[in-house]
């Protein structure tokens, strides 16, 4: 039986994989992390589903940096938080995100995300 420390480590691993998949535009890796019923909200209050993430073209960022990553587990629910910075040709976008993971049939999958811009 997994302990809370094991679950936190697994969510941290999945969260890091998500970050790397985002950097590399690796839709296959992201598909493995997201639950089929995944839904989230982007910084512009746009709904995002697993299906839309699988077909949308990558953004125009020159570089992507993730930081301030943290994870908490509450039973079969895990929360990760962090900061995302996108370097663009015409400036930088700074955002915070919160991701929700659910453990279903012993497997952790991401079920939601919310992204919020950081005011300049």
C-alpha atoms as a PDB file:
ATOM      1  CA  UNK A   1       0.000   0.000   0.000  1.00  0.00           C
ATOM      2  CA  UNK A   2       1.357   3.420  -0.986  1.00  0.00           C
ATOM      3  CA  UNK A   3       2.131   5.934   1.724  1.00  0.00           C
ATOM      4  CA  UNK A   4       1.453   9.658   1.527  1.00  0.00           C
ATOM      5  CA  UNK A   5       5.159  10.192   0.808  1.00  0.00           C
ATOM      6  CA  UNK A   6       4.940   7.690  -2.096  1.00  0.00           C
ATOM      7  CA  UNK A   7       1.843   9.443  -3.463  1.00  0.00           C
ATOM      8  CA  UNK A   8       3.484  12.874  -3.202  1.00  0.00           C
ATOM      9  CA  UNK A   9       6.555  11.541  -5.030  1.00  0.00           C
ATOM     10  CA  UNK A  10       4.375  10.075  -7.791  1.00  0.00           C
ATOM     11  CA  UNK A  11       2.439  13.328  -8.264  1.00  0.00           C
ATOM     12  CA  UNK A  12       5.696  15.296  -8.294  1.00  0.00           C
ATOM     13  CA  UNK A  13       7.010  12.910 -10.972  1.00  0.00           C
ATOM     14  CA  UNK A  14       3.844  13.304 -13.071  1.00  0.00           C
ATOM     15  CA  UNK A  15       3.902  17.064 -12.571  1.00  0.00           C
ATOM     16  CA  UNK A  16       7.516  17.208 -13.761  1.00  0.00           C
ATOM     17  CA  UNK A  17       6.642  15.009 -16.758  1.00  0.00           C
ATOM     18  CA  UNK A  18       3.779  17.396 -17.579  1.00  0.00           C
ATOM     19  CA  UNK A  19       6.207  20.331 -17.473  1.00  0.00           C
ATOM     20  CA  UNK A  20       8.640  18.544 -19.770  1.00  0.00           C
ATOM     21  CA  UNK A  21       5.856  17.486 -22.151  1.00  0.00           C
ATOM     22  CA  UNK A  22       4.726  21.124 -22.291  1.00  0.00           C
ATOM     23  CA  UNK A  23       8.269  22.333 -23.049  1.00  0.00           C
ATOM     24  CA  UNK A  24       8.689  19.782 -25.838  1.00  0.00           C
ATOM     25  CA  UNK A  25       5.105  19.912 -27.150  1.00  0.00           C
ATOM     26  CA  UNK A  26       4.956  16.155 -26.521  1.00  0.00           C
ATOM     27  CA  UNK A  27       1.250  15.418 -26.841  1.00  0.00           C
ATOM     28  CA  UNK A  28       1.703  11.646 -26.405  1.00  0.00           C
ATOM     29  CA  UNK A  29       3.380  12.089 -23.003  1.00  0.00           C
ATOM     30  CA  UNK A  30       0.715  14.590 -21.948  1.00  0.00           C
ATOM     31  CA  UNK A  31      -2.051  12.180 -23.006  1.00  0.00           C
ATOM     32  CA  UNK A  32      -0.597   9.596 -20.617  1.00  0.00           C
ATOM     33  CA  UNK A  33      -0.754  12.037 -17.684  1.00  0.00           C
ATOM     34  CA  UNK A  34      -4.258  13.471 -18.271  1.00  0.00           C
ATOM     35  CA  UNK A  35      -7.449  11.648 -17.330  1.00  0.00           C
ATOM     36  CA  UNK A  36      -9.947  11.241 -20.154  1.00  0.00           C
ATOM     37  CA  UNK A  37     -12.373  13.544 -18.312  1.00  0.00           C
ATOM     38  CA  UNK A  38      -9.694  16.222 -17.729  1.00  0.00           C
ATOM     39  CA  UNK A  39     -10.913  19.828 -17.826  1.00  0.00           C
ATOM     40  CA  UNK A  40      -9.160  23.027 -16.916  1.00  0.00           C
ATOM     41  CA  UNK A  41      -9.079  26.769 -17.410  1.00  0.00           C
ATOM     42  CA  UNK A  42      -6.362  28.725 -19.152  1.00  0.00           C
ATOM     43  CA  UNK A  43      -5.145  32.164 -18.121  1.00  0.00           C
ATOM     44  CA  UNK A  44      -7.729  33.836 -20.361  1.00  0.00           C
ATOM     45  CA  UNK A  45     -10.590  31.876 -18.739  1.00  0.00           C
ATOM     46  CA  UNK A  46     -10.775  29.504 -21.685  1.00  0.00           C
ATOM     47  CA  UNK A  47     -11.933  25.948 -20.961  1.00  0.00           C
ATOM     48  CA  UNK A  48      -9.358  23.298 -21.837  1.00  0.00           C
ATOM     49  CA  UNK A  49     -10.071  19.590 -22.270  1.00  0.00           C
ATOM     50  CA  UNK A  50      -7.832  16.647 -22.972  1.00  0.00           C
ATOM     51  CA  UNK A  51      -9.159  16.564 -26.532  1.00  0.00           C
ATOM     52  CA  UNK A  52      -8.334  20.224 -27.200  1.00  0.00           C
ATOM     53  CA  UNK A  53      -4.831  19.809 -25.769  1.00  0.00           C
ATOM     54  CA  UNK A  54      -4.210  16.886 -28.098  1.00  0.00           C
ATOM     55  CA  UNK A  55      -5.030  18.865 -31.268  1.00  0.00           C
ATOM     56  CA  UNK A  56      -4.090  22.481 -30.525  1.00  0.00           C
ATOM     57  CA  UNK A  57      -0.880  23.717 -32.058  1.00  0.00           C
ATOM     58  CA  UNK A  58       1.912  24.733 -29.682  1.00  0.00           C
ATOM     59  CA  UNK A  59       2.220  28.342 -28.637  1.00  0.00           C
ATOM     60  CA  UNK A  60       4.834  30.795 -29.780  1.00  0.00           C
ATOM     61  CA  UNK A  61       7.086  30.722 -26.724  1.00  0.00           C
ATOM     62  CA  UNK A  62      10.841  30.836 -27.295  1.00  0.00           C
ATOM     63  CA  UNK A  63      11.426  29.295 -23.880  1.00  0.00           C
ATOM     64  CA  UNK A  64       9.385  27.909 -21.009  1.00  0.00           C
ATOM     65  CA  UNK A  65      10.485  27.896 -17.359  1.00  0.00           C
ATOM     66  CA  UNK A  66       8.727  26.175 -14.474  1.00  0.00           C
ATOM     67  CA  UNK A  67       9.536  26.978 -10.843  1.00  0.00           C
ATOM     68  CA  UNK A  68       8.120  27.048  -7.313  1.00  0.00           C
ATOM     69  CA  UNK A  69       6.790  23.514  -7.688  1.00  0.00           C
ATOM     70  CA  UNK A  70       5.054  21.994  -4.653  1.00  0.00           C
ATOM     71  CA  UNK A  71       2.745  19.034  -4.038  1.00  0.00           C
ATOM     72  CA  UNK A  72       0.209  18.077  -1.353  1.00  0.00           C
ATOM     73  CA  UNK A  73      -1.874  14.918  -1.086  1.00  0.00           C
ATOM     74  CA  UNK A  74      -5.270  14.591   0.563  1.00  0.00           C
ATOM     75  CA  UNK A  75      -6.331  10.937   0.342  1.00  0.00           C
ATOM     76  CA  UNK A  76      -7.013  10.151  -3.312  1.00  0.00           C
ATOM     77  CA  UNK A  77      -6.620  13.791  -4.362  1.00  0.00           C
ATOM     78  CA  UNK A  78      -3.332  15.523  -5.039  1.00  0.00           C
ATOM     79  CA  UNK A  79      -2.658  19.204  -5.672  1.00  0.00           C
ATOM     80  CA  UNK A  80       0.427  20.603  -7.363  1.00  0.00           C
ATOM     81  CA  UNK A  81       1.231  24.286  -7.636  1.00  0.00           C
ATOM     82  CA  UNK A  82       3.863  26.187  -9.511  1.00  0.00           C
ATOM     83  CA  UNK A  83       4.930  29.108 -11.620  1.00  0.00           C
ATOM     84  CA  UNK A  84       5.243  29.206 -15.410  1.00  0.00           C
ATOM     85  CA  UNK A  85       7.183  31.811 -17.356  1.00  0.00           C
ATOM     86  CA  UNK A  86       6.978  32.040 -21.139  1.00  0.00           C
ATOM     87  CA  UNK A  87       9.568  34.043 -23.061  1.00  0.00           C
ATOM     88  CA  UNK A  88       8.072  35.440 -26.261  1.00  0.00           C
ATOM     89  CA  UNK A  89       9.540  37.556 -29.053  1.00  0.00           C
ATOM     90  CA  UNK A  90       7.671  40.554 -27.669  1.00  0.00           C
ATOM     91  CA  UNK A  91       7.952  40.006 -23.907  1.00  0.00           C
ATOM     92  CA  UNK A  92       7.324  37.577 -21.089  1.00  0.00           C
ATOM     93  CA  UNK A  93       4.183  35.994 -19.683  1.00  0.00           C
ATOM     94  CA  UNK A  94       4.291  35.086 -16.005  1.00  0.00           C
ATOM     95  CA  UNK A  95       1.622  32.742 -14.609  1.00  0.00           C
ATOM     96  CA  UNK A  96       0.787  30.550 -11.638  1.00  0.00           C
ATOM     97  CA  UNK A  97      -0.965  27.227 -11.978  1.00  0.00           C
ATOM     98  CA  UNK A  98      -2.681  24.704  -9.788  1.00  0.00           C
ATOM     99  CA  UNK A  99      -3.163  21.138 -10.990  1.00  0.00           C
ATOM    100  CA  UNK A 100      -5.493  18.573  -9.470  1.00  0.00           C
ATOM    101  CA  UNK A 101      -4.698  14.858  -9.614  1.00  0.00           C
ATOM    102  CA  UNK A 102      -7.024  11.983  -8.702  1.00  0.00           C
ATOM    103  CA  UNK A 103      -6.052   8.432  -7.801  1.00  0.00           C
ATOM    104  CA  UNK A 104      -8.419   6.058  -9.548  1.00  0.00           C
ATOM    105  CA  UNK A 105      -7.970   2.300  -9.413  1.00  0.00           C
ATOM    106  CA  UNK A 106      -4.528   2.894  -7.915  1.00  0.00           C
ATOM    107  CA  UNK A 107      -3.320   5.175 -10.739  1.00  0.00           C
ATOM    108  CA  UNK A 108      -2.756   8.924 -10.469  1.00  0.00           C
ATOM    109  CA  UNK A 109      -3.991  11.074 -13.371  1.00  0.00           C
ATOM    110  CA  UNK A 110      -4.415  14.821 -13.785  1.00  0.00           C
ATOM    111  CA  UNK A 111      -8.097  15.798 -13.748  1.00  0.00           C
ATOM    112  CA  UNK A 112      -7.907  19.608 -13.791  1.00  0.00           C
ATOM    113  CA  UNK A 113      -5.715  22.679 -14.075  1.00  0.00           C
ATOM    114  CA  UNK A 114      -6.254  26.392 -13.535  1.00  0.00           C
ATOM    115  CA  UNK A 115      -3.771  28.969 -14.818  1.00  0.00           C
ATOM    116  CA  UNK A 116      -3.734  32.538 -13.502  1.00  0.00           C
ATOM    117  CA  UNK A 117      -1.658  35.422 -14.852  1.00  0.00           C
ATOM    118  CA  UNK A 118       0.624  37.213 -12.422  1.00  0.00           C
ATOM    119  CA  UNK A 119       0.028  40.944 -12.595  1.00  0.00           C
ATOM    120  CA  UNK A 120       3.056  42.895 -13.775  1.00  0.00           C
END
